[in-house]
Protein backbone atom coordinates (compact mmCIF):
# COMPACT_ATOMS: atom_id res chain seq x y z
CA MET A 1 -15.17 108.93 -85.23
CA MET A 2 -14.74 105.58 -86.88
CA ASN A 3 -11.00 106.10 -87.19
CA HIS A 4 -10.76 107.16 -83.59
CA LYS A 5 -12.70 104.07 -82.45
CA ARG A 6 -10.54 101.76 -84.59
CA GLU A 7 -7.41 103.27 -83.10
CA ARG A 8 -8.75 102.76 -79.56
CA ASP A 9 -9.64 99.09 -80.25
CA THR A 10 -6.17 98.52 -81.64
CA LYS A 11 -4.59 99.90 -78.46
CA TRP A 12 -6.79 97.63 -76.26
CA SER A 13 -5.91 94.64 -78.44
CA LYS A 14 -2.19 95.34 -78.08
CA ARG A 15 -2.57 95.67 -74.29
CA ILE A 16 -4.40 92.34 -74.07
CA ASN A 17 -1.84 90.57 -76.23
CA LYS A 18 0.98 92.06 -74.19
CA ALA A 19 -0.66 90.92 -70.94
CA ASN A 20 -1.15 87.42 -72.29
CA ALA A 21 2.45 87.29 -73.47
CA THR A 22 3.66 88.42 -70.06
CA LYS A 23 1.43 85.88 -68.28
CA SER A 24 2.48 82.92 -70.37
CA GLY A 25 6.11 83.80 -70.89
CA GLY A 26 6.86 85.57 -67.64
CA VAL A 27 5.02 83.25 -65.27
CA ARG A 28 3.96 79.97 -66.85
CA ALA A 29 7.15 79.25 -68.73
CA PRO A 30 9.53 79.49 -65.71
CA MET A 31 7.09 77.45 -63.65
CA LEU A 32 6.92 74.76 -66.31
CA ARG A 33 10.71 74.72 -66.55
CA TRP A 34 10.97 74.39 -62.75
CA MET A 35 8.44 71.56 -62.69
CA ALA A 36 10.30 69.75 -65.45
CA MET A 37 13.63 70.09 -63.66
CA THR A 38 12.03 68.85 -60.43
CA ALA A 39 10.65 65.80 -62.20
CA VAL A 40 14.04 65.02 -63.70
CA MET A 41 15.73 65.34 -60.31
CA CYS A 42 13.14 63.04 -58.72
CA CYS A 43 13.73 60.43 -61.41
CA LEU A 44 17.48 60.66 -60.88
CA LEU A 45 17.09 60.30 -57.12
CA ILE A 46 14.79 57.32 -57.54
CA CYS A 47 17.21 55.65 -59.92
CA MET A 48 20.10 56.26 -57.52
CA ALA A 49 18.07 54.87 -54.62
CA CYS A 50 17.15 51.77 -56.60
CA SER A 51 20.77 51.28 -57.59
CA MET A 52 21.93 51.63 -54.00
CA SER A 53 19.18 49.31 -52.80
CA ASN A 54 20.17 46.66 -55.33
CA THR A 55 23.79 46.99 -54.35
CA ASP A 56 23.00 46.68 -50.64
CA SER A 57 20.76 43.69 -51.10
CA ALA A 58 23.33 41.99 -53.28
CA GLY A 59 26.14 42.67 -50.86
CA SER A 60 24.30 42.05 -47.60
CA SER A 61 23.40 38.42 -48.08
CA PRO A 62 23.82 36.91 -44.61
CA ARG A 63 26.51 34.27 -44.22
CA ILE A 64 25.45 31.58 -41.76
CA ALA A 65 27.60 28.74 -40.43
CA LEU A 66 26.19 25.32 -39.50
CA ILE A 67 28.50 23.42 -37.15
CA THR A 68 27.83 19.76 -36.39
CA PRO A 69 29.91 17.15 -34.51
CA ALA A 70 31.89 14.78 -36.69
CA GLY A 71 30.38 11.39 -37.33
CA THR A 72 26.81 12.26 -36.33
CA GLY A 73 25.42 10.48 -39.36
CA GLU A 74 21.94 10.69 -40.81
CA LEU A 75 20.58 13.23 -38.34
CA ALA A 76 23.36 15.69 -39.18
CA GLU A 77 22.70 15.11 -42.88
CA ALA A 78 18.99 15.81 -42.42
CA ILE A 79 19.78 19.01 -40.50
CA ARG A 80 22.13 20.13 -43.27
CA LEU A 81 19.53 19.50 -45.99
CA GLY A 82 16.93 21.49 -44.08
CA ALA A 83 19.36 24.36 -43.54
CA GLU A 84 20.31 24.40 -47.23
CA ALA A 85 16.64 24.50 -48.26
CA ALA A 86 15.98 27.49 -45.98
CA ALA A 87 19.16 29.27 -47.13
CA LYS A 88 18.08 28.90 -50.75
CA GLU A 89 14.65 30.36 -49.98
CA THR A 90 15.97 33.30 -47.95
CA GLY A 91 19.00 34.08 -50.09
CA ALA A 92 21.43 33.36 -47.26
CA GLU A 93 24.87 31.85 -47.78
CA LEU A 94 25.26 28.65 -45.77
CA ILE A 95 28.62 27.23 -44.71
CA THR A 96 28.37 23.71 -43.30
CA VAL A 97 31.17 22.67 -40.97
CA GLU A 98 31.83 19.17 -39.67
CA ALA A 99 34.44 19.26 -36.92
CA PHE A 100 36.96 16.42 -37.13
CA PRO A 101 39.26 16.13 -34.11
CA SER A 102 42.24 14.73 -36.00
CA ALA A 103 42.25 16.19 -39.51
CA GLY A 104 40.92 19.61 -38.64
CA VAL A 105 37.66 21.24 -39.66
CA THR A 106 36.27 21.00 -43.15
CA TYR A 107 34.02 23.59 -44.75
CA ALA A 108 31.42 22.64 -47.31
CA PRO A 109 29.79 25.91 -48.40
CA SER A 110 26.53 25.92 -50.32
CA ASN A 111 28.06 28.69 -52.44
CA PRO A 112 30.79 27.03 -54.57
CA ASP A 113 32.53 30.37 -55.03
CA PHE A 114 33.22 30.62 -51.31
CA ALA A 115 36.90 29.91 -50.68
CA ALA A 116 37.13 27.91 -47.48
CA GLY A 117 40.17 26.40 -45.89
CA GLN A 118 41.12 23.87 -43.30
CA ARG A 119 42.93 24.31 -40.05
CA LYS A 120 44.36 21.87 -37.56
CA VAL A 121 42.69 21.71 -34.20
CA ASN A 122 44.28 23.95 -31.66
CA GLN A 123 44.94 21.86 -28.56
CA GLU A 124 45.97 24.84 -26.40
CA HIS A 125 42.68 25.42 -24.66
CA PHE A 126 42.24 26.21 -21.01
CA PRO A 127 45.95 26.28 -20.04
CA ASN A 128 45.04 26.14 -16.36
CA GLY A 129 43.42 22.78 -16.92
CA THR A 130 40.24 23.91 -15.23
CA TYR A 131 37.88 22.74 -17.99
CA PRO A 132 39.59 20.03 -20.02
CA LEU A 133 37.71 19.28 -23.22
CA SER A 134 37.84 16.13 -25.29
CA GLU A 135 39.33 16.18 -28.78
CA ARG A 136 35.87 16.21 -30.34
CA GLU A 137 34.83 19.12 -28.14
CA LEU A 138 38.00 21.04 -28.99
CA ALA A 139 37.40 20.42 -32.67
CA GLN A 140 33.92 21.89 -32.46
CA VAL A 141 35.13 24.98 -30.59
CA ASP A 142 37.85 25.51 -33.20
CA ALA A 143 35.31 25.06 -36.00
CA VAL A 144 33.35 27.95 -34.53
CA SER A 145 36.50 30.09 -34.28
CA LEU A 146 37.31 29.52 -37.93
CA ALA A 147 33.73 30.27 -38.97
CA LEU A 148 33.82 33.56 -37.08
CA GLU A 149 37.11 34.46 -38.72
CA GLN A 150 35.42 33.94 -42.10
CA GLY A 151 32.93 36.67 -41.20
CA VAL A 152 29.73 34.74 -40.58
CA SER A 153 26.69 36.67 -39.42
CA ALA A 154 25.08 33.87 -37.39
CA LEU A 155 25.87 30.43 -36.00
CA LEU A 156 23.82 27.26 -36.04
CA ILE A 157 25.31 24.57 -33.83
CA ASP A 158 24.47 21.10 -32.58
CA PRO A 159 26.73 21.25 -29.50
CA LEU A 160 28.44 18.20 -28.07
CA SER A 161 28.23 19.44 -24.50
CA GLU A 162 27.39 22.34 -22.24
CA ARG A 163 31.08 23.28 -22.06
CA VAL A 164 31.29 23.53 -25.84
CA LEU A 165 28.21 25.72 -26.00
CA SER A 166 29.56 28.01 -23.26
CA ASN A 167 32.74 28.53 -25.27
CA VAL A 168 30.77 29.15 -28.45
CA ILE A 169 28.61 31.80 -26.79
CA GLN A 170 31.67 33.53 -25.39
CA LYS A 171 33.37 33.61 -28.79
CA ALA A 172 30.24 34.87 -30.54
CA GLN A 173 30.00 37.76 -28.10
CA THR A 174 33.64 38.84 -28.23
CA MET A 175 34.93 38.23 -31.76
CA ASN A 176 32.68 40.66 -33.68
CA ALA A 177 34.77 43.77 -34.44
CA ASN A 178 31.64 45.88 -34.97
CA GLY A 179 30.44 45.27 -31.45
CA VAL A 180 27.44 43.24 -32.64
CA VAL A 181 26.65 40.03 -30.79
CA ILE A 182 26.44 37.19 -33.30
CA PRO A 183 23.20 35.21 -32.81
CA VAL A 184 23.62 31.53 -31.88
CA MET A 185 20.90 29.02 -32.77
CA VAL A 186 21.16 25.71 -30.88
CA LEU A 187 19.90 22.63 -32.69
CA ASN A 188 18.93 19.21 -31.38
CA ASP A 189 20.26 19.61 -27.80
CA GLU A 190 19.38 22.00 -25.02
CA PHE A 191 21.75 23.22 -22.31
CA PRO A 192 21.32 25.81 -19.52
CA VAL A 193 23.68 28.38 -21.04
CA LYS A 194 22.96 32.11 -21.18
CA GLY A 195 23.25 34.02 -24.43
CA ILE A 196 21.45 31.58 -26.75
CA THR A 197 19.27 33.31 -29.32
CA SER A 198 17.00 30.36 -30.03
CA VAL A 199 16.79 26.62 -29.33
CA ILE A 200 15.28 24.30 -31.93
CA SER A 201 14.81 20.88 -30.35
CA MET A 202 12.29 18.23 -29.42
CA ASP A 203 10.48 18.13 -26.10
CA ASN A 204 12.59 15.44 -24.45
CA ILE A 205 10.19 14.90 -21.55
CA GLU A 206 7.32 14.27 -23.94
CA ALA A 207 9.54 12.05 -26.08
CA GLY A 208 10.41 10.05 -22.94
CA ARG A 209 6.71 9.67 -22.22
CA GLN A 210 6.21 8.34 -25.75
CA ALA A 211 8.97 5.78 -25.24
CA GLY A 212 7.62 4.66 -21.87
CA GLN A 213 4.08 4.28 -23.20
CA ALA A 214 5.32 2.35 -26.23
CA MET A 215 7.17 -0.10 -23.97
CA ALA A 216 4.15 -0.47 -21.67
CA ASP A 217 2.03 -1.36 -24.69
CA LEU A 218 4.59 -3.89 -25.94
CA LEU A 219 4.72 -5.61 -22.54
CA GLU A 220 0.95 -5.27 -21.98
CA GLY A 221 1.53 -3.46 -18.71
CA ARG A 222 3.69 -6.06 -16.99
CA GLY A 223 7.45 -6.73 -16.88
CA ARG A 224 10.93 -5.52 -15.96
CA ILE A 225 12.53 -2.69 -17.92
CA ALA A 226 16.14 -1.52 -17.99
CA LEU A 227 17.26 1.95 -19.06
CA LEU A 228 20.49 2.24 -21.04
CA GLY A 229 22.28 5.55 -21.54
CA PRO A 230 25.25 7.76 -20.74
CA ASP A 231 26.04 9.57 -17.49
CA PRO A 232 23.34 11.99 -16.35
CA VAL A 233 25.14 15.13 -17.47
CA ASN A 234 23.08 15.91 -20.56
CA PRO A 235 19.89 17.76 -19.57
CA GLY A 236 18.08 16.42 -22.63
CA LEU A 237 18.78 12.81 -21.69
CA MET A 238 17.79 13.47 -18.12
CA ASP A 239 14.49 14.84 -19.40
CA ARG A 240 13.97 11.71 -21.49
CA GLU A 241 14.53 9.54 -18.44
CA GLN A 242 12.09 11.68 -16.46
CA GLY A 243 9.45 11.29 -19.18
CA VAL A 244 9.92 7.51 -19.24
CA GLU A 245 9.50 7.27 -15.47
CA GLU A 246 6.42 9.51 -15.51
CA SER A 247 4.78 7.37 -18.15
CA LEU A 248 5.57 4.02 -16.52
CA ALA A 249 4.54 5.22 -13.06
CA ARG A 250 0.96 4.49 -14.13
CA TYR A 251 1.74 0.78 -14.46
CA PRO A 252 2.27 -0.82 -11.03
CA ASP A 253 3.23 -4.16 -12.60
CA ILE A 254 6.15 -2.67 -14.52
CA HIS A 255 9.44 -2.42 -12.62
CA VAL A 256 12.10 -0.02 -13.91
CA GLU A 257 15.75 -0.76 -13.16
CA PRO A 258 18.11 2.16 -12.43
CA ARG A 259 19.87 3.45 -15.48
CA PHE A 260 22.83 1.40 -16.62
CA VAL A 261 25.56 3.78 -17.74
CA CYS A 262 27.03 3.21 -21.20
CA SER A 263 28.03 5.71 -23.85
CA THR A 264 29.30 3.57 -26.74
CA ARG A 265 27.81 0.73 -28.71
CA ASP A 266 30.28 -1.77 -27.27
CA SER A 267 29.82 -0.69 -23.65
CA CYS A 268 26.03 -0.80 -24.06
CA TRP A 269 26.30 -4.28 -25.54
CA GLN A 270 28.29 -5.34 -22.46
CA ALA A 271 25.68 -3.77 -20.17
CA ALA A 272 22.83 -5.52 -21.95
CA LYS A 273 24.69 -8.85 -21.79
CA GLN A 274 25.33 -8.47 -18.07
CA LEU A 275 21.69 -7.61 -17.38
CA LEU A 276 20.34 -10.54 -19.36
CA ASP A 277 22.85 -12.93 -17.76
CA GLN A 278 21.99 -11.87 -14.22
CA GLN A 279 18.24 -11.39 -14.25
CA GLN A 280 15.10 -11.45 -16.28
CA VAL A 281 14.73 -8.31 -18.42
CA ASP A 282 11.71 -7.92 -20.66
CA GLY A 283 12.60 -4.65 -22.31
CA PHE A 284 15.32 -2.06 -22.90
CA ILE A 285 14.64 1.64 -23.30
CA ALA A 286 17.74 3.06 -24.92
CA LEU A 287 18.10 6.81 -24.41
CA GLN A 288 20.63 7.29 -27.23
CA GLU A 289 21.56 5.68 -30.55
CA PRO A 290 24.58 3.65 -29.29
CA ALA A 291 22.50 2.17 -26.49
CA SER A 292 19.83 0.84 -28.84
CA LEU A 293 22.42 -0.64 -31.19
CA GLY A 294 24.36 -2.25 -28.31
CA ALA A 295 21.21 -3.86 -26.91
CA ALA A 296 20.25 -5.08 -30.40
CA ASP A 297 23.73 -6.63 -30.81
CA GLU A 298 23.21 -8.72 -27.69
CA LEU A 299 19.74 -9.80 -28.78
CA ASN A 300 21.15 -10.81 -32.16
CA ARG A 301 23.74 -12.92 -30.34
CA ARG A 302 20.97 -14.62 -28.39
CA THR A 303 18.68 -15.21 -31.35
CA SER A 304 18.89 -18.98 -30.97
CA GLY A 305 17.69 -18.77 -27.34
CA ASN A 306 14.28 -17.95 -25.96
CA ASN A 307 15.35 -14.88 -24.01
CA GLY A 308 16.59 -12.85 -26.92
CA SER A 309 13.46 -13.32 -29.01
CA LYS A 310 11.19 -11.98 -26.26
CA VAL A 311 13.07 -8.87 -25.15
CA LYS A 312 11.76 -5.62 -26.59
CA ILE A 313 13.75 -2.48 -27.45
CA VAL A 314 12.48 1.08 -27.68
CA GLY A 315 15.12 3.63 -28.67
CA PHE A 316 15.76 7.17 -29.88
CA GLY A 317 17.21 8.09 -33.24
CA SER A 318 17.01 7.40 -36.95
CA GLU A 319 20.50 6.26 -37.93
CA GLN A 320 20.74 3.82 -40.81
CA GLN A 321 21.83 0.89 -38.64
CA GLN A 322 18.93 1.55 -36.26
CA LEU A 323 16.48 1.49 -39.15
CA GLU A 324 17.94 -1.81 -40.34
CA GLN A 325 17.44 -3.31 -36.87
CA LEU A 326 13.92 -1.87 -36.81
CA GLN A 327 13.07 -3.45 -40.14
CA GLU A 328 14.42 -6.81 -38.95
CA GLY A 329 12.34 -6.64 -35.78
CA LYS A 330 15.25 -6.45 -33.32
CA ILE A 331 14.18 -2.93 -32.36
CA GLN A 332 10.42 -2.53 -31.99
CA HIS A 333 10.06 1.27 -31.78
CA LEU A 334 12.16 4.37 -32.42
CA ILE A 335 11.37 7.90 -31.26
CA VAL A 336 12.36 10.05 -34.24
CA GLN A 337 12.69 13.82 -34.46
CA ASN A 338 12.53 15.88 -37.62
CA GLY A 339 16.15 16.82 -38.32
CA PHE A 340 15.23 18.48 -41.61
CA SER A 341 12.92 20.86 -39.75
CA ALA A 342 15.65 21.62 -37.21
CA GLY A 343 18.01 22.90 -39.90
CA TYR A 344 15.27 24.64 -41.84
CA LEU A 345 13.83 26.48 -38.84
CA GLY A 346 17.32 27.27 -37.53
CA VAL A 347 18.24 29.21 -40.67
CA ASN A 348 14.87 30.97 -40.73
CA GLN A 349 15.29 32.02 -37.12
CA ALA A 350 18.81 33.30 -37.82
CA VAL A 351 17.69 35.32 -40.85
CA ALA A 352 14.79 36.79 -38.88
CA ARG A 353 17.15 37.83 -36.08
CA LEU A 354 19.54 39.45 -38.56
CA ASN A 355 16.59 41.37 -40.03
CA ASN A 356 15.63 42.62 -36.55
CA GLN A 357 12.46 40.56 -36.58
CA GLN A 358 10.95 38.69 -33.67
CA VAL A 359 12.58 35.35 -32.89
CA GLN A 360 11.20 32.51 -30.80
CA ALA A 361 13.37 31.64 -27.82
CA ARG A 362 12.40 27.99 -28.22
CA VAL A 363 10.98 26.04 -31.14
CA THR A 364 9.70 22.56 -30.35
CA LEU A 365 10.17 19.90 -33.01
CA GLU A 366 7.65 17.18 -33.61
CA THR A 367 8.59 13.62 -32.66
CA LYS A 368 7.06 10.44 -34.02
CA LEU A 369 6.90 6.87 -32.79
CA VAL A 370 8.10 4.74 -35.70
CA SER A 371 7.66 0.98 -35.73
CA THR A 372 8.31 -1.93 -38.08
CA ASP A 373 4.70 -1.67 -39.22
CA ASN A 374 4.63 2.05 -40.09
CA MET A 375 8.20 2.86 -41.08
CA PHE A 376 7.31 2.64 -44.78
CA TRP A 377 4.33 4.96 -44.59
CA MET A 378 4.78 7.96 -46.85
CA ASP A 379 4.95 10.53 -44.03
CA ASN A 380 7.46 8.45 -42.10
CA GLN A 381 9.55 7.88 -45.21
CA LYS A 382 9.95 11.65 -45.56
CA LEU A 383 10.92 11.86 -41.91
CA LEU A 384 13.39 8.97 -41.97
CA PHE A 385 14.90 9.59 -45.40
CA PRO A 386 14.72 13.35 -46.19
CA PHE A 387 17.73 13.05 -48.49
CA VAL A 388 15.91 10.68 -50.86
CA GLN A 389 14.14 12.60 -53.62
């Protein structure tokens, strides 16, 4: 009996061991091998995805062109510095272009490895003669053409005129071989042209109000004021004039002369001289940089007389020569916009558009009223001299 029982237990033990062997080897082992292979494949796929992602991010750095008119001075420099700061933060490649009408267009890329060339201005525009452009306008249009040929992804431009901007928009919409419309960010000036992605500029009506109020305060609400500026073809300047008139309309004892047209420093000097020779003028509101400098030249010439020392000047801009006249007291106030912010926000808007993010159609820049008394305040120093570290 004992032997029979021992034999039966041995058979059950063998069956159990066989079942366990089948369960672990026949089921668990293949499953473990499958899980291991799956894990390895997942790791490989992740590594490949990371590699592809790194390659795409390294190769898809947006190239953005900043085009400014030649000879625009400190404001253009402030815009460039702001754009470079934003490009560094966002990883974009910035190509700055200053369009010279005689020597061609010169590229100054932030990336020193970028090989940029020069090209003479093409004078064969508008063969029918319907829209003749000046040499400076032609140079800016050609600068845009060359930038597009270099494969830029977006354009930042401070346009000289509405005609220039119209040409730029047309080129940006037709030159992309992939059928993608290149976004155009307009800096500093605003024109009624369709196809603009975003405008970064000051509120010219509000800036005009600031200028008018500043002059009213200087004259204590009484006197005769002359406006100096170019022809009324620039919407921004027309808005400034409107703002001035709105502000001074509250002062019945202030008389505003019609605008005297002048577009250069010399012509504005002649206009100021003629006005002061013919009638009593207590103040000049200069709508552009050359107008304020021309009026200051005439006041400097009259320094020995009584008239020149009493006439006040309120102008727009922050060029070095204007700041010198402001410090000397020949110009009493300047309406200054933040050029650094214009370039900085322009690049950020362009990068956002390229990343399919929401973009503001219009970004309003802050303006400040700077005087002899506050021009050396810390905040105003940063505004007037952004290139000084």
